[in-house]
């Protein structure tokens, strides 16, 4: 794919998000590629785990099962690929504490069903979209091998965010909510503002989804 093709691929993703990654985060990432890759691996594993947990918790949604099974396979493949890249570069696996991003989004999940599931799926779409946007922001600035891999991930990650949104709409319809599209749109707009604040506000811990760095990692 050409650069123009990648730009076109990213238009829906950037249009969905409330902001783009600040340059200060990219600069910090380039100084801390080891932390970036370690946390990226963690994110892929957590994404697979989240999809698997949803499969067990909401087994009565058949369409959800099929899509989530596909997501689990892809996320685990990406996890293996990042581990292989780390090993190739002589980087050891180390424990890494979680940043504030996922927890900040999870606080917005409503406590009753099916709205809780809808929120989880909408949040999933933002996590996937942000991951995709970060790969896009990083790709031109990292080494050739890593840049090539990040561009490869753009295709699947851009599809994942749309898959999560489609699932949220399907769940709302199946649950016979009065105005499923309006409910989903309202949640998208709310979560968008929360996610934007997490990305643009100062953050003293550098991670793959962290905010504007306030100090060295």
C-alpha atoms as a PDB file:
ATOM      1  CA  UNK A   1       0.000   0.000   0.000  1.00  0.00           C
ATOM      2  CA  UNK A   2       1.138   3.540  -0.747  1.00  0.00           C
ATOM      3  CA  UNK A   3       1.191   6.373   1.779  1.00  0.00           C
ATOM      4  CA  UNK A   4      -1.971   7.742   0.160  1.00  0.00           C
ATOM      5  CA  UNK A   5      -3.676   4.378   0.683  1.00  0.00           C
ATOM      6  CA  UNK A   6      -2.766   4.423   4.378  1.00  0.00           C
ATOM      7  CA  UNK A   7      -4.028   7.995   4.655  1.00  0.00           C
ATOM      8  CA  UNK A   8      -7.360   6.949   3.138  1.00  0.00           C
ATOM      9  CA  UNK A   9      -7.567   3.924   5.427  1.00  0.00           C
ATOM     10  CA  UNK A  10      -7.089   6.150   8.446  1.00  0.00           C
ATOM     11  CA  UNK A  11      -9.700   8.784   7.621  1.00  0.00           C
ATOM     12  CA  UNK A  12     -12.614   6.949   9.309  1.00  0.00           C
ATOM     13  CA  UNK A  13     -10.442   6.153  12.330  1.00  0.00           C
ATOM     14  CA  UNK A  14      -9.286   9.733  12.859  1.00  0.00           C
ATOM     15  CA  UNK A  15     -12.811  10.987  12.178  1.00  0.00           C
ATOM     16  CA  UNK A  16     -14.140   8.672  14.896  1.00  0.00           C
ATOM     17  CA  UNK A  17     -11.606   9.742  17.536  1.00  0.00           C
ATOM     18  CA  UNK A  18     -11.823  13.082  19.290  1.00  0.00           C
ATOM     19  CA  UNK A  19      -8.172  13.997  18.726  1.00  0.00           C
ATOM     20  CA  UNK A  20      -4.906  12.811  17.225  1.00  0.00           C
ATOM     21  CA  UNK A  21      -1.881  11.706  19.233  1.00  0.00           C
ATOM     22  CA  UNK A  22       0.170  14.676  20.491  1.00  0.00           C
ATOM     23  CA  UNK A  23       3.700  15.001  19.095  1.00  0.00           C
ATOM     24  CA  UNK A  24       5.065  14.960  22.660  1.00  0.00           C
ATOM     25  CA  UNK A  25       3.814  11.392  23.080  1.00  0.00           C
ATOM     26  CA  UNK A  26       5.469  10.271  19.826  1.00  0.00           C
ATOM     27  CA  UNK A  27       8.753  11.897  20.909  1.00  0.00           C
ATOM     28  CA  UNK A  28       8.577  10.064  24.251  1.00  0.00           C
ATOM     29  CA  UNK A  29       7.761   6.784  22.517  1.00  0.00           C
ATOM     30  CA  UNK A  30      10.857   7.017  20.325  1.00  0.00           C
ATOM     31  CA  UNK A  31      12.988   7.363  23.464  1.00  0.00           C
ATOM     32  CA  UNK A  32      11.301   4.392  25.118  1.00  0.00           C
ATOM     33  CA  UNK A  33      10.750   1.776  22.429  1.00  0.00           C
ATOM     34  CA  UNK A  34      11.367  -1.036  24.910  1.00  0.00           C
ATOM     35  CA  UNK A  35       8.476   0.108  27.123  1.00  0.00           C
ATOM     36  CA  UNK A  36       6.353   0.769  24.039  1.00  0.00           C
ATOM     37  CA  UNK A  37       6.839  -2.765  22.684  1.00  0.00           C
ATOM     38  CA  UNK A  38       6.340  -4.402  26.081  1.00  0.00           C
ATOM     39  CA  UNK A  39       3.113  -2.499  26.678  1.00  0.00           C
ATOM     40  CA  UNK A  40       1.964  -3.129  23.108  1.00  0.00           C
ATOM     41  CA  UNK A  41       2.337  -6.857  23.771  1.00  0.00           C
ATOM     42  CA  UNK A  42       0.356  -6.474  26.989  1.00  0.00           C
ATOM     43  CA  UNK A  43      -2.389  -4.605  25.102  1.00  0.00           C
ATOM     44  CA  UNK A  44      -2.736  -7.375  22.517  1.00  0.00           C
ATOM     45  CA  UNK A  45      -3.011  -9.997  25.266  1.00  0.00           C
ATOM     46  CA  UNK A  46      -5.545  -7.930  27.204  1.00  0.00           C
ATOM     47  CA  UNK A  47      -7.611  -7.381  24.043  1.00  0.00           C
ATOM     48  CA  UNK A  48      -7.767 -11.138  23.478  1.00  0.00           C
ATOM     49  CA  UNK A  49      -8.674 -11.702  27.133  1.00  0.00           C
ATOM     50  CA  UNK A  50     -11.446  -9.087  27.011  1.00  0.00           C
ATOM     51  CA  UNK A  51     -12.958 -10.657  23.894  1.00  0.00           C
ATOM     52  CA  UNK A  52     -12.766 -14.122  25.456  1.00  0.00           C
ATOM     53  CA  UNK A  53     -14.429 -12.949  28.675  1.00  0.00           C
ATOM     54  CA  UNK A  54     -17.243 -11.382  26.657  1.00  0.00           C
ATOM     55  CA  UNK A  55     -17.744 -14.680  24.819  1.00  0.00           C
ATOM     56  CA  UNK A  56     -18.333 -16.498  28.110  1.00  0.00           C
ATOM     57  CA  UNK A  57     -20.383 -13.772  29.777  1.00  0.00           C
ATOM     58  CA  UNK A  58     -22.696 -13.153  26.820  1.00  0.00           C
ATOM     59  CA  UNK A  59     -22.858 -16.612  25.250  1.00  0.00           C
ATOM     60  CA  UNK A  60     -26.518 -16.110  24.330  1.00  0.00           C
ATOM     61  CA  UNK A  61     -25.568 -13.530  21.645  1.00  0.00           C
ATOM     62  CA  UNK A  62     -24.673 -15.835  18.752  1.00  0.00           C
ATOM     63  CA  UNK A  63     -23.443 -13.141  16.347  1.00  0.00           C
ATOM     64  CA  UNK A  64     -21.281 -11.740  19.125  1.00  0.00           C
ATOM     65  CA  UNK A  65     -19.646 -15.154  19.594  1.00  0.00           C
ATOM     66  CA  UNK A  66     -18.463 -15.422  15.990  1.00  0.00           C
ATOM     67  CA  UNK A  67     -17.009 -11.911  15.793  1.00  0.00           C
ATOM     68  CA  UNK A  68     -15.318 -12.182  19.172  1.00  0.00           C
ATOM     69  CA  UNK A  69     -13.783 -15.547  18.282  1.00  0.00           C
ATOM     70  CA  UNK A  70     -12.208 -13.922  15.235  1.00  0.00           C
ATOM     71  CA  UNK A  71     -10.922 -11.065  17.385  1.00  0.00           C
ATOM     72  CA  UNK A  72      -9.376 -13.453  19.917  1.00  0.00           C
ATOM     73  CA  UNK A  73      -7.443 -15.260  17.167  1.00  0.00           C
ATOM     74  CA  UNK A  74      -6.159 -12.040  15.614  1.00  0.00           C
ATOM     75  CA  UNK A  75      -5.180 -10.410  18.903  1.00  0.00           C
ATOM     76  CA  UNK A  76      -3.274 -13.510  20.031  1.00  0.00           C
ATOM     77  CA  UNK A  77      -1.485 -13.661  16.673  1.00  0.00           C
ATOM     78  CA  UNK A  78      -0.416 -10.052  17.134  1.00  0.00           C
ATOM     79  CA  UNK A  79       0.707 -10.840  20.679  1.00  0.00           C
ATOM     80  CA  UNK A  80       2.935 -13.634  19.365  1.00  0.00           C
ATOM     81  CA  UNK A  81       4.302 -11.372  16.637  1.00  0.00           C
ATOM     82  CA  UNK A  82       5.272  -8.629  19.090  1.00  0.00           C
ATOM     83  CA  UNK A  83       6.967 -11.196  21.326  1.00  0.00           C
ATOM     84  CA  UNK A  84       8.924 -12.454  18.317  1.00  0.00           C
ATOM     85  CA  UNK A  85      10.007  -8.911  17.458  1.00  0.00           C
ATOM     86  CA  UNK A  86      11.113  -8.327  21.046  1.00  0.00           C
ATOM     87  CA  UNK A  87      13.121 -11.570  21.076  1.00  0.00           C
ATOM     88  CA  UNK A  88      14.713 -10.710  17.748  1.00  0.00           C
ATOM     89  CA  UNK A  89      15.866  -7.409  19.234  1.00  0.00           C
ATOM     90  CA  UNK A  90      17.192  -9.057  22.384  1.00  0.00           C
ATOM     91  CA  UNK A  91      14.506  -7.523  24.565  1.00  0.00           C
ATOM     92  CA  UNK A  92      13.549  -9.541  27.639  1.00  0.00           C
ATOM     93  CA  UNK A  93       9.972  -9.823  28.858  1.00  0.00           C
ATOM     94  CA  UNK A  94       9.504  -7.783  32.037  1.00  0.00           C
ATOM     95  CA  UNK A  95       6.567  -6.956  34.253  1.00  0.00           C
ATOM     96  CA  UNK A  96       4.942  -3.622  33.486  1.00  0.00           C
ATOM     97  CA  UNK A  97       2.253  -1.892  35.516  1.00  0.00           C
ATOM     98  CA  UNK A  98      -0.901  -0.731  33.774  1.00  0.00           C
ATOM     99  CA  UNK A  99      -1.425   2.895  32.830  1.00  0.00           C
ATOM    100  CA  UNK A 100      -4.557   4.905  33.555  1.00  0.00           C
ATOM    101  CA  UNK A 101      -6.176   4.630  30.111  1.00  0.00           C
ATOM    102  CA  UNK A 102      -8.220   1.411  30.317  1.00  0.00           C
ATOM    103  CA  UNK A 103      -9.276   2.065  33.900  1.00  0.00           C
ATOM    104  CA  UNK A 104     -10.352   5.584  33.008  1.00  0.00           C
ATOM    105  CA  UNK A 105     -12.586   4.254  30.247  1.00  0.00           C
ATOM    106  CA  UNK A 106     -14.002   1.395  32.316  1.00  0.00           C
ATOM    107  CA  UNK A 107     -15.295   3.901  34.900  1.00  0.00           C
ATOM    108  CA  UNK A 108     -17.869   4.953  32.311  1.00  0.00           C
ATOM    109  CA  UNK A 109     -19.492   1.516  31.981  1.00  0.00           C
ATOM    110  CA  UNK A 110     -23.090   1.544  33.170  1.00  0.00           C
ATOM    111  CA  UNK A 111     -24.066  -1.007  35.822  1.00  0.00           C
ATOM    112  CA  UNK A 112     -27.174  -2.516  34.176  1.00  0.00           C
ATOM    113  CA  UNK A 113     -27.765  -4.639  31.086  1.00  0.00           C
ATOM    114  CA  UNK A 114     -27.792  -4.482  28.125  1.00  0.00           C
ATOM    115  CA  UNK A 115     -26.325  -0.995  28.524  1.00  0.00           C
ATOM    116  CA  UNK A 116     -23.219  -2.344  30.271  1.00  0.00           C
ATOM    117  CA  UNK A 117     -22.423  -4.594  27.305  1.00  0.00           C
ATOM    118  CA  UNK A 118     -23.071  -1.752  24.872  1.00  0.00           C
ATOM    119  CA  UNK A 119     -20.634   0.459  26.784  1.00  0.00           C
ATOM    120  CA  UNK A 120     -17.987  -2.280  26.816  1.00  0.00           C
ATOM    121  CA  UNK A 121     -18.295  -2.630  23.043  1.00  0.00           C
ATOM    122  CA  UNK A 122     -18.219   1.141  22.417  1.00  0.00           C
ATOM    123  CA  UNK A 123     -15.140   1.441  24.634  1.00  0.00           C
ATOM    124  CA  UNK A 124     -13.596  -1.466  22.724  1.00  0.00           C
ATOM    125  CA  UNK A 125     -14.101   0.442  19.498  1.00  0.00           C
ATOM    126  CA  UNK A 126     -12.247   3.468  20.908  1.00  0.00           C
ATOM    127  CA  UNK A 127      -9.369   1.354  22.220  1.00  0.00           C
ATOM    128  CA  UNK A 128      -8.954  -0.292  18.806  1.00  0.00           C
ATOM    129  CA  UNK A 129      -9.246   3.022  16.965  1.00  0.00           C
ATOM    130  CA  UNK A 130      -6.660   4.667  19.236  1.00  0.00           C
ATOM    131  CA  UNK A 131      -4.281   1.735  18.816  1.00  0.00           C
ATOM    132  CA  UNK A 132      -4.634   2.043  15.066  1.00  0.00           C
ATOM    133  CA  UNK A 133      -4.033   5.799  15.167  1.00  0.00           C
ATOM    134  CA  UNK A 134      -0.928   5.350  17.320  1.00  0.00           C
ATOM    135  CA  UNK A 135       0.565   2.827  14.892  1.00  0.00           C
ATOM    136  CA  UNK A 136      -0.097   5.353  12.125  1.00  0.00           C
ATOM    137  CA  UNK A 137       1.584   8.142  14.124  1.00  0.00           C
ATOM    138  CA  UNK A 138       4.608   5.993  14.955  1.00  0.00           C
ATOM    139  CA  UNK A 139       5.228   4.216  11.647  1.00  0.00           C
ATOM    140  CA  UNK A 140       7.087   7.053   9.852  1.00  0.00           C
ATOM    141  CA  UNK A 141       9.458   7.613  12.782  1.00  0.00           C
ATOM    142  CA  UNK A 142      10.566   4.152  13.914  1.00  0.00           C
ATOM    143  CA  UNK A 143      13.042   1.839  12.159  1.00  0.00           C
ATOM    144  CA  UNK A 144      12.051   0.176   8.881  1.00  0.00           C
ATOM    145  CA  UNK A 145      11.184  -3.218  10.375  1.00  0.00           C
ATOM    146  CA  UNK A 146       8.974  -1.797  13.108  1.00  0.00           C
ATOM    147  CA  UNK A 147       7.391   0.728  10.752  1.00  0.00           C
ATOM    148  CA  UNK A 148       6.503  -2.037   8.312  1.00  0.00           C
ATOM    149  CA  UNK A 149       4.893  -4.053  11.099  1.00  0.00           C
ATOM    150  CA  UNK A 150       2.883  -1.091  12.382  1.00  0.00           C
ATOM    151  CA  UNK A 151       1.560  -0.414   8.876  1.00  0.00           C
ATOM    152  CA  UNK A 152       0.592  -4.076   8.607  1.00  0.00           C
ATOM    153  CA  UNK A 153      -1.415  -3.737  11.840  1.00  0.00           C
ATOM    154  CA  UNK A 154      -3.339  -0.728  10.529  1.00  0.00           C
ATOM    155  CA  UNK A 155      -5.565  -2.931   8.366  1.00  0.00           C
ATOM    156  CA  UNK A 156      -6.794  -5.217  11.135  1.00  0.00           C
ATOM    157  CA  UNK A 157      -7.010  -2.571  13.854  1.00  0.00           C
ATOM    158  CA  UNK A 158      -9.043  -0.246  11.609  1.00  0.00           C
ATOM    159  CA  UNK A 159     -11.480  -3.113  10.986  1.00  0.00           C
ATOM    160  CA  UNK A 160     -11.671  -4.036  14.677  1.00  0.00           C
ATOM    161  CA  UNK A 161     -13.003  -0.650  15.737  1.00  0.00           C
ATOM    162  CA  UNK A 162     -15.809  -0.930  13.196  1.00  0.00           C
ATOM    163  CA  UNK A 163     -16.544  -4.516  14.297  1.00  0.00           C
ATOM    164  CA  UNK A 164     -17.030  -3.408  17.889  1.00  0.00           C
ATOM    165  CA  UNK A 165     -19.379  -0.610  16.833  1.00  0.00           C
ATOM    166  CA  UNK A 166     -21.420  -2.973  14.661  1.00  0.00           C
ATOM    167  CA  UNK A 167     -21.708  -5.398  17.574  1.00  0.00           C
ATOM    168  CA  UNK A 168     -22.901  -2.606  19.883  1.00  0.00           C
ATOM    169  CA  UNK A 169     -25.654  -1.694  17.418  1.00  0.00           C
ATOM    170  CA  UNK A 170     -26.637  -5.365  17.022  1.00  0.00           C
ATOM    171  CA  UNK A 171     -26.890  -5.806  20.795  1.00  0.00           C
ATOM    172  CA  UNK A 172     -29.016  -2.646  21.124  1.00  0.00           C
ATOM    173  CA  UNK A 173     -31.392  -3.886  18.427  1.00  0.00           C
ATOM    174  CA  UNK A 174     -31.630  -7.408  19.819  1.00  0.00           C
ATOM    175  CA  UNK A 175     -32.344  -5.980  23.272  1.00  0.00           C
ATOM    176  CA  UNK A 176     -35.140  -3.935  21.652  1.00  0.00           C
ATOM    177  CA  UNK A 177     -33.996  -0.620  23.041  1.00  0.00           C
ATOM    178  CA  UNK A 178     -36.412   2.149  22.088  1.00  0.00           C
ATOM    179  CA  UNK A 179     -33.945   4.130  19.971  1.00  0.00           C
ATOM    180  CA  UNK A 180     -30.840   1.922  19.500  1.00  0.00           C
ATOM    181  CA  UNK A 181     -28.980   4.248  17.100  1.00  0.00           C
ATOM    182  CA  UNK A 182     -29.621   7.304  19.280  1.00  0.00           C
ATOM    183  CA  UNK A 183     -28.508   5.446  22.399  1.00  0.00           C
ATOM    184  CA  UNK A 184     -25.319   4.226  20.721  1.00  0.00           C
ATOM    185  CA  UNK A 185     -24.540   7.682  19.312  1.00  0.00           C
ATOM    186  CA  UNK A 186     -25.005   9.288  22.720  1.00  0.00           C
ATOM    187  CA  UNK A 187     -22.582   6.810  24.271  1.00  0.00           C
ATOM    188  CA  UNK A 188     -20.072   7.300  21.450  1.00  0.00           C
ATOM    189  CA  UNK A 189     -20.096  11.052  22.001  1.00  0.00           C
ATOM    190  CA  UNK A 190     -19.700  10.666  25.757  1.00  0.00           C
ATOM    191  CA  UNK A 191     -16.889   8.090  25.574  1.00  0.00           C
ATOM    192  CA  UNK A 192     -15.174  10.152  22.868  1.00  0.00           C
ATOM    193  CA  UNK A 193     -14.807  13.083  25.276  1.00  0.00           C
ATOM    194  CA  UNK A 194     -13.521  10.857  28.073  1.00  0.00           C
ATOM    195  CA  UNK A 195     -10.995   9.185  25.762  1.00  0.00           C
ATOM    196  CA  UNK A 196      -9.884  12.536  24.332  1.00  0.00           C
ATOM    197  CA  UNK A 197      -9.210  13.876  27.825  1.00  0.00           C
ATOM    198  CA  UNK A 198      -7.116  10.807  28.705  1.00  0.00           C
ATOM    199  CA  UNK A 199      -5.004  11.332  25.570  1.00  0.00           C
ATOM    200  CA  UNK A 200      -4.550  15.102  25.810  1.00  0.00           C
ATOM    201  CA  UNK A 201      -4.127  15.584  29.574  1.00  0.00           C
ATOM    202  CA  UNK A 202      -0.750  15.303  31.372  1.00  0.00           C
ATOM    203  CA  UNK A 203       0.298  11.783  32.302  1.00  0.00           C
ATOM    204  CA  UNK A 204       3.288  10.894  34.476  1.00  0.00           C
ATOM    205  CA  UNK A 205       3.470   7.281  33.226  1.00  0.00           C
ATOM    206  CA  UNK A 206       4.460   6.463  29.650  1.00  0.00           C
ATOM    207  CA  UNK A 207       2.469   3.629  28.112  1.00  0.00           C
ATOM    208  CA  UNK A 208       1.085   2.705  24.704  1.00  0.00           C
ATOM    209  CA  UNK A 209      -2.174   4.545  25.438  1.00  0.00           C
ATOM    210  CA  UNK A 210      -0.853   7.177  27.833  1.00  0.00           C
ATOM    211  CA  UNK A 211      -1.503  10.918  27.705  1.00  0.00           C
ATOM    212  CA  UNK A 212       0.904  13.821  27.275  1.00  0.00           C
ATOM    213  CA  UNK A 213       4.129  12.870  29.079  1.00  0.00           C
ATOM    214  CA  UNK A 214       5.085  15.050  32.018  1.00  0.00           C
ATOM    215  CA  UNK A 215       8.465  13.421  32.654  1.00  0.00           C
ATOM    216  CA  UNK A 216      10.750  10.733  31.327  1.00  0.00           C
ATOM    217  CA  UNK A 217       9.377   7.200  31.676  1.00  0.00           C
END
